[in-house]
């Protein structure tokens, strides 16, 4: 089985979309989605500074748009990507892109929801001085116990001995002063304590926006960040998307499910590298392709040909992106 994975906030880097805009139709898609996102995705993906794209309200639609447009470039359409792949998953905001690939939500509604999500989470983060710190290494049980003892939340349990602690600035400072044995701490350049109770106001805003979204059941296996389970209905997926902004991301459970499903290959959409890095350590038998630039399309298509499903509709890969 081949799985398509969409990265989350923090994966973006200045100029990462520039080479992708050379593909026919790519810029047109971003321009159309910019209207829905309320921001110039082309500028933010090419010439904007690191500080600009760290803004949650910008980073989230930029990441979802990049993932969806690259998935289209891979095979010609999101529907064809789903036909070729057996499963999809996204990390945090990447779940919106994964849902569009799986056919649960249209790309347009995915952009609308992502825009609301990004603005609401940015507003919640501005209400209090909060942040996140990556905890690398150490015993997992001891690390989680130390995080919780400090009043923090293990907001991302990513596997491969990587956990992200989140909470107030004071809590993070106290945690840094007495880290868990054998662990290294790396403060993250994010605006707030995402996937914690501090994001509760964003849940309310996202739920209101979700009321106007048309959904369908997933066309392929679609894994959830809540617990790594395969989501079977569109309504369940949407409810999970709404509540996930204030609940921890269990990417470790997603990778455990990938192994249980018999995943043999994983393609990470741009800006790629983070999720393939985690999979390299947690799923060493799985073949990987990180789509960092269009030069990586050939390797990704090779994985689709050797590990994906045979069903196709028309010429693949599309002539415009071969």
C-alpha atoms as a PDB file:
ATOM      1  CA  UNK A   1       0.000   0.000   0.000  1.00  0.00           C
ATOM      2  CA  UNK A   2       1.181   3.517  -0.819  1.00  0.00           C
ATOM      3  CA  UNK A   3       0.324   6.432   1.460  1.00  0.00           C
ATOM      4  CA  UNK A   4       0.257  10.161   0.639  1.00  0.00           C
ATOM      5  CA  UNK A   5       1.255  12.394   3.570  1.00  0.00           C
ATOM      6  CA  UNK A   6       0.810  16.161   3.977  1.00  0.00           C
ATOM      7  CA  UNK A   7       3.054  18.031   6.443  1.00  0.00           C
ATOM      8  CA  UNK A   8       1.971  20.514   9.095  1.00  0.00           C
ATOM      9  CA  UNK A   9       2.933  23.945  10.340  1.00  0.00           C
ATOM     10  CA  UNK A  10       6.642  24.479  10.779  1.00  0.00           C
ATOM     11  CA  UNK A  11       7.563  22.642   7.590  1.00  0.00           C
ATOM     12  CA  UNK A  12       7.422  25.821   5.486  1.00  0.00           C
ATOM     13  CA  UNK A  13      10.577  27.681   4.457  1.00  0.00           C
ATOM     14  CA  UNK A  14      11.074  30.949   2.539  1.00  0.00           C
ATOM     15  CA  UNK A  15      10.770  30.487  -1.211  1.00  0.00           C
ATOM     16  CA  UNK A  16       9.832  26.795  -1.071  1.00  0.00           C
ATOM     17  CA  UNK A  17       7.115  27.172  -3.705  1.00  0.00           C
ATOM     18  CA  UNK A  18       9.217  29.039  -6.282  1.00  0.00           C
ATOM     19  CA  UNK A  19      10.291  26.016  -8.371  1.00  0.00           C
ATOM     20  CA  UNK A  20       6.760  24.569  -8.333  1.00  0.00           C
ATOM     21  CA  UNK A  21       5.361  27.657 -10.037  1.00  0.00           C
ATOM     22  CA  UNK A  22       7.222  26.657 -13.185  1.00  0.00           C
ATOM     23  CA  UNK A  23       4.780  23.760 -13.673  1.00  0.00           C
ATOM     24  CA  UNK A  24       1.876  24.505 -16.044  1.00  0.00           C
ATOM     25  CA  UNK A  25      -1.271  25.478 -14.153  1.00  0.00           C
ATOM     26  CA  UNK A  26       0.343  25.519 -10.701  1.00  0.00           C
ATOM     27  CA  UNK A  27       0.328  29.313 -10.347  1.00  0.00           C
ATOM     28  CA  UNK A  28      -3.257  29.473 -11.615  1.00  0.00           C
ATOM     29  CA  UNK A  29      -4.399  27.104  -8.877  1.00  0.00           C
ATOM     30  CA  UNK A  30      -2.615  29.109  -6.193  1.00  0.00           C
ATOM     31  CA  UNK A  31      -4.068  32.353  -7.513  1.00  0.00           C
ATOM     32  CA  UNK A  32      -7.603  30.960  -7.334  1.00  0.00           C
ATOM     33  CA  UNK A  33      -7.057  29.557  -3.856  1.00  0.00           C
ATOM     34  CA  UNK A  34      -5.541  32.876  -2.725  1.00  0.00           C
ATOM     35  CA  UNK A  35      -8.973  34.437  -3.133  1.00  0.00           C
ATOM     36  CA  UNK A  36     -10.465  31.845  -0.805  1.00  0.00           C
ATOM     37  CA  UNK A  37      -7.600  32.040   1.699  1.00  0.00           C
ATOM     38  CA  UNK A  38      -7.614  35.829   1.827  1.00  0.00           C
ATOM     39  CA  UNK A  39      -3.870  36.076   1.246  1.00  0.00           C
ATOM     40  CA  UNK A  40      -1.443  36.063  -1.690  1.00  0.00           C
ATOM     41  CA  UNK A  41      -0.224  32.472  -1.614  1.00  0.00           C
ATOM     42  CA  UNK A  42       2.155  33.005  -4.527  1.00  0.00           C
ATOM     43  CA  UNK A  43       3.980  35.864  -2.824  1.00  0.00           C
ATOM     44  CA  UNK A  44       4.093  34.111   0.529  1.00  0.00           C
ATOM     45  CA  UNK A  45       5.422  30.949  -1.097  1.00  0.00           C
ATOM     46  CA  UNK A  46       8.149  32.719  -3.062  1.00  0.00           C
ATOM     47  CA  UNK A  47       9.401  36.106  -1.835  1.00  0.00           C
ATOM     48  CA  UNK A  48       8.039  36.446   1.715  1.00  0.00           C
ATOM     49  CA  UNK A  49      10.396  36.365   4.690  1.00  0.00           C
ATOM     50  CA  UNK A  50      10.633  33.631   7.297  1.00  0.00           C
ATOM     51  CA  UNK A  51       8.888  35.890   9.820  1.00  0.00           C
ATOM     52  CA  UNK A  52       5.974  36.497   7.462  1.00  0.00           C
ATOM     53  CA  UNK A  53       5.294  32.823   6.802  1.00  0.00           C
ATOM     54  CA  UNK A  54       5.618  31.949  10.487  1.00  0.00           C
ATOM     55  CA  UNK A  55       2.332  33.817  10.994  1.00  0.00           C
ATOM     56  CA  UNK A  56      -0.231  31.086  11.646  1.00  0.00           C
ATOM     57  CA  UNK A  57      -2.870  32.818   9.528  1.00  0.00           C
ATOM     58  CA  UNK A  58      -0.462  32.674   6.556  1.00  0.00           C
ATOM     59  CA  UNK A  59       1.390  29.409   7.179  1.00  0.00           C
ATOM     60  CA  UNK A  60      -1.674  27.185   7.366  1.00  0.00           C
ATOM     61  CA  UNK A  61      -3.356  28.063   4.035  1.00  0.00           C
ATOM     62  CA  UNK A  62       0.072  28.151   2.379  1.00  0.00           C
ATOM     63  CA  UNK A  63       0.822  24.591   3.486  1.00  0.00           C
ATOM     64  CA  UNK A  64      -2.566  23.166   2.530  1.00  0.00           C
ATOM     65  CA  UNK A  65      -2.498  24.864  -0.875  1.00  0.00           C
ATOM     66  CA  UNK A  66       1.036  23.628  -1.580  1.00  0.00           C
ATOM     67  CA  UNK A  67       0.149  20.042  -0.677  1.00  0.00           C
ATOM     68  CA  UNK A  68      -3.035  19.956  -2.754  1.00  0.00           C
ATOM     69  CA  UNK A  69      -1.451  21.602  -5.803  1.00  0.00           C
ATOM     70  CA  UNK A  70       1.517  19.218  -5.688  1.00  0.00           C
ATOM     71  CA  UNK A  71      -0.810  16.211  -5.346  1.00  0.00           C
ATOM     72  CA  UNK A  72      -2.544  17.405  -8.512  1.00  0.00           C
ATOM     73  CA  UNK A  73       0.801  17.831 -10.269  1.00  0.00           C
ATOM     74  CA  UNK A  74       1.767  14.302  -9.282  1.00  0.00           C
ATOM     75  CA  UNK A  75      -0.994  12.566 -11.253  1.00  0.00           C
ATOM     76  CA  UNK A  76      -3.119  15.251 -12.901  1.00  0.00           C
ATOM     77  CA  UNK A  77      -5.884  15.513 -10.277  1.00  0.00           C
ATOM     78  CA  UNK A  78      -6.637  14.852  -6.618  1.00  0.00           C
ATOM     79  CA  UNK A  79      -9.078  12.133  -7.641  1.00  0.00           C
ATOM     80  CA  UNK A  80      -6.405  10.356  -9.674  1.00  0.00           C
ATOM     81  CA  UNK A  81      -3.924  10.636  -6.811  1.00  0.00           C
ATOM     82  CA  UNK A  82      -6.500   8.915  -4.585  1.00  0.00           C
ATOM     83  CA  UNK A  83      -6.996   6.182  -7.192  1.00  0.00           C
ATOM     84  CA  UNK A  84      -3.265   5.515  -7.305  1.00  0.00           C
ATOM     85  CA  UNK A  85      -2.679   5.730  -3.553  1.00  0.00           C
ATOM     86  CA  UNK A  86      -4.190   3.461  -0.949  1.00  0.00           C
ATOM     87  CA  UNK A  87      -4.235   5.871   1.969  1.00  0.00           C
ATOM     88  CA  UNK A  88      -3.708   9.466   3.028  1.00  0.00           C
ATOM     89  CA  UNK A  89      -2.775  11.251   6.239  1.00  0.00           C
ATOM     90  CA  UNK A  90      -1.839  14.762   7.259  1.00  0.00           C
ATOM     91  CA  UNK A  91       0.011  16.174  10.236  1.00  0.00           C
ATOM     92  CA  UNK A  92      -2.065  18.834  12.037  1.00  0.00           C
ATOM     93  CA  UNK A  93      -3.256  21.322   9.369  1.00  0.00           C
ATOM     94  CA  UNK A  94      -2.065  18.806   6.775  1.00  0.00           C
ATOM     95  CA  UNK A  95      -5.216  16.843   7.638  1.00  0.00           C
ATOM     96  CA  UNK A  96      -7.185  19.348   5.536  1.00  0.00           C
ATOM     97  CA  UNK A  97      -5.084  18.530   2.472  1.00  0.00           C
ATOM     98  CA  UNK A  98      -5.356  14.792   3.172  1.00  0.00           C
ATOM     99  CA  UNK A  99      -9.133  15.119   3.425  1.00  0.00           C
ATOM    100  CA  UNK A 100      -9.278  16.813   0.022  1.00  0.00           C
ATOM    101  CA  UNK A 101      -7.113  14.081  -1.516  1.00  0.00           C
ATOM    102  CA  UNK A 102      -9.393  11.418  -0.007  1.00  0.00           C
ATOM    103  CA  UNK A 103     -12.434  13.152  -1.490  1.00  0.00           C
ATOM    104  CA  UNK A 104     -14.060  14.071   1.813  1.00  0.00           C
ATOM    105  CA  UNK A 105     -13.980  17.791   1.088  1.00  0.00           C
ATOM    106  CA  UNK A 106     -13.462  19.898  -2.030  1.00  0.00           C
ATOM    107  CA  UNK A 107     -10.167  21.782  -2.410  1.00  0.00           C
ATOM    108  CA  UNK A 108     -12.134  25.033  -2.282  1.00  0.00           C
ATOM    109  CA  UNK A 109     -13.818  24.179   1.018  1.00  0.00           C
ATOM    110  CA  UNK A 110     -10.498  22.921   2.349  1.00  0.00           C
ATOM    111  CA  UNK A 111      -9.007  26.353   1.668  1.00  0.00           C
ATOM    112  CA  UNK A 112     -11.965  28.150   3.256  1.00  0.00           C
ATOM    113  CA  UNK A 113     -11.785  26.032   6.400  1.00  0.00           C
ATOM    114  CA  UNK A 114      -8.013  26.343   6.594  1.00  0.00           C
ATOM    115  CA  UNK A 115      -8.240  30.125   6.385  1.00  0.00           C
ATOM    116  CA  UNK A 116     -10.706  30.190   9.291  1.00  0.00           C
ATOM    117  CA  UNK A 117      -8.564  27.722  11.231  1.00  0.00           C
ATOM    118  CA  UNK A 118      -5.384  29.750  10.762  1.00  0.00           C
ATOM    119  CA  UNK A 119      -6.952  33.068  11.737  1.00  0.00           C
ATOM    120  CA  UNK A 120      -8.753  31.582  14.742  1.00  0.00           C
ATOM    121  CA  UNK A 121      -5.649  29.830  16.040  1.00  0.00           C
ATOM    122  CA  UNK A 122      -3.595  32.997  15.562  1.00  0.00           C
ATOM    123  CA  UNK A 123      -6.163  34.967  17.566  1.00  0.00           C
ATOM    124  CA  UNK A 124      -6.192  32.360  20.337  1.00  0.00           C
ATOM    125  CA  UNK A 125      -2.393  32.395  20.453  1.00  0.00           C
ATOM    126  CA  UNK A 126      -2.348  36.198  20.769  1.00  0.00           C
ATOM    127  CA  UNK A 127      -4.532  36.086  23.871  1.00  0.00           C
ATOM    128  CA  UNK A 128      -1.759  34.685  26.094  1.00  0.00           C
ATOM    129  CA  UNK A 129       2.005  34.165  26.002  1.00  0.00           C
ATOM    130  CA  UNK A 130       2.293  30.498  25.062  1.00  0.00           C
ATOM    131  CA  UNK A 131       4.626  28.365  22.983  1.00  0.00           C
ATOM    132  CA  UNK A 132       5.963  24.934  22.120  1.00  0.00           C
ATOM    133  CA  UNK A 133       9.233  23.085  22.716  1.00  0.00           C
ATOM    134  CA  UNK A 134      10.404  19.923  20.991  1.00  0.00           C
ATOM    135  CA  UNK A 135      11.716  17.252  23.350  1.00  0.00           C
ATOM    136  CA  UNK A 136      14.174  14.982  21.570  1.00  0.00           C
ATOM    137  CA  UNK A 137      15.314  11.693  23.053  1.00  0.00           C
ATOM    138  CA  UNK A 138      14.840  10.409  26.570  1.00  0.00           C
ATOM    139  CA  UNK A 139      12.459   7.683  27.721  1.00  0.00           C
ATOM    140  CA  UNK A 140       8.995   8.373  26.273  1.00  0.00           C
ATOM    141  CA  UNK A 141       7.078   7.596  29.457  1.00  0.00           C
ATOM    142  CA  UNK A 142       9.455   9.717  31.549  1.00  0.00           C
ATOM    143  CA  UNK A 143       9.281  12.590  29.064  1.00  0.00           C
ATOM    144  CA  UNK A 144       5.476  12.613  28.988  1.00  0.00           C
ATOM    145  CA  UNK A 145       5.326  12.412  32.787  1.00  0.00           C
ATOM    146  CA  UNK A 146       7.742  15.345  33.102  1.00  0.00           C
ATOM    147  CA  UNK A 147       5.757  17.403  30.587  1.00  0.00           C
ATOM    148  CA  UNK A 148       2.502  16.825  32.415  1.00  0.00           C
ATOM    149  CA  UNK A 149       4.106  17.420  35.824  1.00  0.00           C
ATOM    150  CA  UNK A 150       5.132  20.881  34.565  1.00  0.00           C
ATOM    151  CA  UNK A 151       1.528  21.675  33.681  1.00  0.00           C
ATOM    152  CA  UNK A 152       2.303  21.389  29.979  1.00  0.00           C
ATOM    153  CA  UNK A 153       0.576  19.296  27.312  1.00  0.00           C
ATOM    154  CA  UNK A 154       2.332  16.702  25.117  1.00  0.00           C
ATOM    155  CA  UNK A 155       0.776  18.424  22.089  1.00  0.00           C
ATOM    156  CA  UNK A 156       2.554  16.399  19.390  1.00  0.00           C
ATOM    157  CA  UNK A 157       3.648  12.824  20.016  1.00  0.00           C
ATOM    158  CA  UNK A 158       5.434  12.274  16.743  1.00  0.00           C
ATOM    159  CA  UNK A 159       7.227   8.977  17.327  1.00  0.00           C
ATOM    160  CA  UNK A 160      10.925   8.413  16.696  1.00  0.00           C
ATOM    161  CA  UNK A 161      11.575   9.827  20.198  1.00  0.00           C
ATOM    162  CA  UNK A 162      10.145  13.237  19.354  1.00  0.00           C
ATOM    163  CA  UNK A 163       7.486  14.848  21.545  1.00  0.00           C
ATOM    164  CA  UNK A 164       6.425  18.492  21.574  1.00  0.00           C
ATOM    165  CA  UNK A 165       5.516  20.143  24.874  1.00  0.00           C
ATOM    166  CA  UNK A 166       3.156  23.121  24.801  1.00  0.00           C
ATOM    167  CA  UNK A 167       1.845  25.612  27.332  1.00  0.00           C
ATOM    168  CA  UNK A 168       2.491  29.024  28.819  1.00  0.00           C
ATOM    169  CA  UNK A 169       5.869  30.712  28.549  1.00  0.00           C
ATOM    170  CA  UNK A 170       6.342  30.398  32.307  1.00  0.00           C
ATOM    171  CA  UNK A 171       5.632  26.660  32.232  1.00  0.00           C
ATOM    172  CA  UNK A 172       8.035  26.140  29.341  1.00  0.00           C
ATOM    173  CA  UNK A 173      10.768  28.093  31.133  1.00  0.00           C
ATOM    174  CA  UNK A 174      10.383  25.973  34.266  1.00  0.00           C
ATOM    175  CA  UNK A 175      10.440  22.813  32.142  1.00  0.00           C
ATOM    176  CA  UNK A 176      13.634  23.956  30.399  1.00  0.00           C
ATOM    177  CA  UNK A 177      15.290  24.563  33.754  1.00  0.00           C
ATOM    178  CA  UNK A 178      14.825  20.896  34.695  1.00  0.00           C
ATOM    179  CA  UNK A 179      14.531  18.780  31.525  1.00  0.00           C
ATOM    180  CA  UNK A 180      13.847  15.025  31.545  1.00  0.00           C
ATOM    181  CA  UNK A 181      16.956  12.805  31.780  1.00  0.00           C
ATOM    182  CA  UNK A 182      18.618  12.156  28.421  1.00  0.00           C
ATOM    183  CA  UNK A 183      16.408  14.611  26.534  1.00  0.00           C
ATOM    184  CA  UNK A 184      17.364  17.655  24.468  1.00  0.00           C
ATOM    185  CA  UNK A 185      15.008  20.627  24.256  1.00  0.00           C
ATOM    186  CA  UNK A 186      14.522  22.788  21.171  1.00  0.00           C
ATOM    187  CA  UNK A 187      12.121  25.755  21.388  1.00  0.00           C
ATOM    188  CA  UNK A 188       9.948  25.985  18.261  1.00  0.00           C
ATOM    189  CA  UNK A 189       9.295  29.150  16.260  1.00  0.00           C
ATOM    190  CA  UNK A 190       5.520  29.010  16.520  1.00  0.00           C
ATOM    191  CA  UNK A 191       3.034  31.598  17.696  1.00  0.00           C
ATOM    192  CA  UNK A 192       1.377  29.652  20.500  1.00  0.00           C
ATOM    193  CA  UNK A 193       0.486  26.415  22.249  1.00  0.00           C
ATOM    194  CA  UNK A 194      -1.288  24.632  19.424  1.00  0.00           C
ATOM    195  CA  UNK A 195      -3.264  21.446  20.088  1.00  0.00           C
ATOM    196  CA  UNK A 196      -3.860  22.351  23.717  1.00  0.00           C
ATOM    197  CA  UNK A 197      -6.696  23.834  25.765  1.00  0.00           C
ATOM    198  CA  UNK A 198      -5.294  27.276  24.886  1.00  0.00           C
ATOM    199  CA  UNK A 199      -6.784  26.785  21.399  1.00  0.00           C
ATOM    200  CA  UNK A 200     -10.347  26.230  22.650  1.00  0.00           C
ATOM    201  CA  UNK A 201     -11.624  29.550  21.183  1.00  0.00           C
ATOM    202  CA  UNK A 202     -10.494  28.359  17.748  1.00  0.00           C
ATOM    203  CA  UNK A 203     -12.675  25.254  18.067  1.00  0.00           C
ATOM    204  CA  UNK A 204     -15.758  27.456  18.325  1.00  0.00           C
ATOM    205  CA  UNK A 205     -14.821  29.449  15.220  1.00  0.00           C
ATOM    206  CA  UNK A 206     -13.984  26.359  13.206  1.00  0.00           C
ATOM    207  CA  UNK A 207     -17.214  24.610  14.185  1.00  0.00           C
ATOM    208  CA  UNK A 208     -19.235  27.569  12.933  1.00  0.00           C
ATOM    209  CA  UNK A 209     -17.378  27.534   9.599  1.00  0.00           C
ATOM    210  CA  UNK A 210     -17.727  23.758   9.260  1.00  0.00           C
ATOM    211  CA  UNK A 211     -21.504  24.074   9.279  1.00  0.00           C
ATOM    212  CA  UNK A 212     -21.485  25.273   5.692  1.00  0.00           C
ATOM    213  CA  UNK A 213     -19.227  22.533   4.291  1.00  0.00           C
ATOM    214  CA  UNK A 214     -20.437  19.690   2.077  1.00  0.00           C
ATOM    215  CA  UNK A 215     -18.708  16.400   2.855  1.00  0.00           C
ATOM    216  CA  UNK A 216     -18.487  12.868   1.492  1.00  0.00           C
ATOM    217  CA  UNK A 217     -17.163   9.633   2.943  1.00  0.00           C
ATOM    218  CA  UNK A 218     -13.450   8.964   2.283  1.00  0.00           C
ATOM    219  CA  UNK A 219     -12.674   7.277  -1.035  1.00  0.00           C
ATOM    220  CA  UNK A 220      -9.493   5.766   0.424  1.00  0.00           C
ATOM    221  CA  UNK A 221      -8.106   4.990   3.873  1.00  0.00           C
ATOM    222  CA  UNK A 222      -7.833   8.308   5.747  1.00  0.00           C
ATOM    223  CA  UNK A 223      -5.956   8.334   9.045  1.00  0.00           C
ATOM    224  CA  UNK A 224      -6.833  10.677  11.912  1.00  0.00           C
ATOM    225  CA  UNK A 225      -4.400  12.583  14.135  1.00  0.00           C
ATOM    226  CA  UNK A 226      -6.658  12.020  17.116  1.00  0.00           C
ATOM    227  CA  UNK A 227      -5.744   8.362  17.539  1.00  0.00           C
ATOM    228  CA  UNK A 228      -4.328   7.092  14.242  1.00  0.00           C
ATOM    229  CA  UNK A 229      -7.554   5.328  13.338  1.00  0.00           C
ATOM    230  CA  UNK A 230      -8.975   5.135   9.821  1.00  0.00           C
ATOM    231  CA  UNK A 231     -11.911   7.522   9.488  1.00  0.00           C
ATOM    232  CA  UNK A 232     -14.910   5.866   7.869  1.00  0.00           C
ATOM    233  CA  UNK A 233     -17.376   8.740   7.464  1.00  0.00           C
ATOM    234  CA  UNK A 234     -17.148  12.318   6.310  1.00  0.00           C
ATOM    235  CA  UNK A 235     -19.109  13.568   9.322  1.00  0.00           C
ATOM    236  CA  UNK A 236     -16.682  11.873  11.717  1.00  0.00           C
ATOM    237  CA  UNK A 237     -13.715  13.358   9.842  1.00  0.00           C
ATOM    238  CA  UNK A 238     -15.152  16.876  10.004  1.00  0.00           C
ATOM    239  CA  UNK A 239     -15.856  16.614  13.737  1.00  0.00           C
ATOM    240  CA  UNK A 240     -12.297  15.426  14.300  1.00  0.00           C
ATOM    241  CA  UNK A 241     -10.944  18.338  12.236  1.00  0.00           C
ATOM    242  CA  UNK A 242     -12.910  20.811  14.348  1.00  0.00           C
ATOM    243  CA  UNK A 243     -11.816  19.442  17.728  1.00  0.00           C
ATOM    244  CA  UNK A 244      -8.246  18.564  16.748  1.00  0.00           C
ATOM    245  CA  UNK A 245      -6.993  22.150  17.095  1.00  0.00           C
ATOM    246  CA  UNK A 246      -7.228  21.791  20.879  1.00  0.00           C
ATOM    247  CA  UNK A 247      -6.265  18.089  21.114  1.00  0.00           C
ATOM    248  CA  UNK A 248      -2.810  16.475  20.834  1.00  0.00           C
ATOM    249  CA  UNK A 249      -1.523  15.220  17.488  1.00  0.00           C
ATOM    250  CA  UNK A 250      -0.769  11.500  17.664  1.00  0.00           C
ATOM    251  CA  UNK A 251       1.417  11.049  14.609  1.00  0.00           C
ATOM    252  CA  UNK A 252       3.027   8.083  16.364  1.00  0.00           C
ATOM    253  CA  UNK A 253      -0.341   6.333  16.247  1.00  0.00           C
ATOM    254  CA  UNK A 254      -0.760   7.289  12.593  1.00  0.00           C
ATOM    255  CA  UNK A 255       2.567   5.616  11.775  1.00  0.00           C
ATOM    256  CA  UNK A 256       1.582   2.592  13.852  1.00  0.00           C
ATOM    257  CA  UNK A 257      -1.579   2.332  11.748  1.00  0.00           C
ATOM    258  CA  UNK A 258       0.471   2.679   8.553  1.00  0.00           C
ATOM    259  CA  UNK A 259       2.511  -0.322   9.623  1.00  0.00           C
ATOM    260  CA  UNK A 260      -0.629  -2.259  10.505  1.00  0.00           C
ATOM    261  CA  UNK A 261      -2.147  -1.508   7.114  1.00  0.00           C
ATOM    262  CA  UNK A 262       0.929  -2.893   5.412  1.00  0.00           C
ATOM    263  CA  UNK A 263       2.122   0.416   3.995  1.00  0.00           C
ATOM    264  CA  UNK A 264       5.086  -0.241   1.719  1.00  0.00           C
ATOM    265  CA  UNK A 265       5.709   3.293   0.452  1.00  0.00           C
ATOM    266  CA  UNK A 266       5.073   6.879   1.546  1.00  0.00           C
ATOM    267  CA  UNK A 267       5.138  10.053  -0.532  1.00  0.00           C
ATOM    268  CA  UNK A 268       5.375  13.322   1.405  1.00  0.00           C
ATOM    269  CA  UNK A 269       3.941  16.387  -0.315  1.00  0.00           C
ATOM    270  CA  UNK A 270       5.744  19.744  -0.163  1.00  0.00           C
ATOM    271  CA  UNK A 271       7.268  21.255   1.808  1.00  0.00           C
ATOM    272  CA  UNK A 272       8.545  17.735   2.364  1.00  0.00           C
ATOM    273  CA  UNK A 273      11.170  16.317   4.692  1.00  0.00           C
ATOM    274  CA  UNK A 274       9.694  16.298   8.191  1.00  0.00           C
ATOM    275  CA  UNK A 275       7.335  13.336   7.858  1.00  0.00           C
ATOM    276  CA  UNK A 276       9.703  11.256   5.740  1.00  0.00           C
ATOM    277  CA  UNK A 277      12.350  11.898   8.392  1.00  0.00           C
ATOM    278  CA  UNK A 278      10.070  10.495  11.094  1.00  0.00           C
ATOM    279  CA  UNK A 279       9.096   7.548   8.899  1.00  0.00           C
ATOM    280  CA  UNK A 280      12.728   6.760   8.112  1.00  0.00           C
ATOM    281  CA  UNK A 281      13.278   6.034  11.802  1.00  0.00           C
ATOM    282  CA  UNK A 282       9.895   4.548  12.741  1.00  0.00           C
ATOM    283  CA  UNK A 283       9.110   2.652   9.506  1.00  0.00           C
ATOM    284  CA  UNK A 284      12.516   1.571   8.168  1.00  0.00           C
ATOM    285  CA  UNK A 285      11.045  -0.949   5.705  1.00  0.00           C
ATOM    286  CA  UNK A 286       8.848   1.640   3.970  1.00  0.00           C
ATOM    287  CA  UNK A 287      10.100   3.192   0.711  1.00  0.00           C
ATOM    288  CA  UNK A 288      10.061   7.008   0.876  1.00  0.00           C
ATOM    289  CA  UNK A 289       9.846   9.952  -1.500  1.00  0.00           C
ATOM    290  CA  UNK A 290      10.000  13.550  -0.263  1.00  0.00           C
ATOM    291  CA  UNK A 291       8.588  15.973  -2.848  1.00  0.00           C
ATOM    292  CA  UNK A 292      10.749  19.011  -2.093  1.00  0.00           C
ATOM    293  CA  UNK A 293      10.924  20.321  -5.669  1.00  0.00           C
ATOM    294  CA  UNK A 294       9.453  19.273  -9.034  1.00  0.00           C
ATOM    295  CA  UNK A 295      12.678  17.341  -9.606  1.00  0.00           C
ATOM    296  CA  UNK A 296      11.309  14.835  -7.067  1.00  0.00           C
ATOM    297  CA  UNK A 297       8.187  14.083  -9.126  1.00  0.00           C
ATOM    298  CA  UNK A 298       9.940  11.313 -11.048  1.00  0.00           C
ATOM    299  CA  UNK A 299      10.889   9.430  -7.877  1.00  0.00           C
ATOM    300  CA  UNK A 300       7.396   9.871  -6.465  1.00  0.00           C
ATOM    301  CA  UNK A 301       5.831   8.568  -9.675  1.00  0.00           C
ATOM    302  CA  UNK A 302       8.161   5.580  -9.587  1.00  0.00           C
ATOM    303  CA  UNK A 303       6.779   4.736  -6.130  1.00  0.00           C
ATOM    304  CA  UNK A 304       3.226   5.154  -7.405  1.00  0.00           C
ATOM    305  CA  UNK A 305       3.982   2.773 -10.264  1.00  0.00           C
ATOM    306  CA  UNK A 306       5.580   0.127  -8.066  1.00  0.00           C
ATOM    307  CA  UNK A 307       3.516   0.422  -4.867  1.00  0.00           C
ATOM    308  CA  UNK A 308       0.299   2.188  -5.875  1.00  0.00           C
ATOM    309  CA  UNK A 309      -2.951   0.804  -7.185  1.00  0.00           C
ATOM    310  CA  UNK A 310      -3.233   0.012 -10.885  1.00  0.00           C
ATOM    311  CA  UNK A 311      -6.548   1.775 -11.551  1.00  0.00           C
ATOM    312  CA  UNK A 312      -6.074   4.778 -13.833  1.00  0.00           C
ATOM    313  CA  UNK A 313      -8.289   7.080 -15.861  1.00  0.00           C
ATOM    314  CA  UNK A 314      -6.489   8.247 -18.951  1.00  0.00           C
ATOM    315  CA  UNK A 315      -2.865   9.086 -19.508  1.00  0.00           C
ATOM    316  CA  UNK A 316      -0.666   9.016 -16.424  1.00  0.00           C
ATOM    317  CA  UNK A 317       1.491  10.873 -15.677  1.00  0.00           C
ATOM    318  CA  UNK A 318      -0.141  13.866 -17.371  1.00  0.00           C
ATOM    319  CA  UNK A 319       1.824  15.171 -20.330  1.00  0.00           C
ATOM    320  CA  UNK A 320       1.965  18.713 -18.902  1.00  0.00           C
ATOM    321  CA  UNK A 321       3.999  17.617 -15.885  1.00  0.00           C
ATOM    322  CA  UNK A 322       6.079  14.715 -17.242  1.00  0.00           C
END
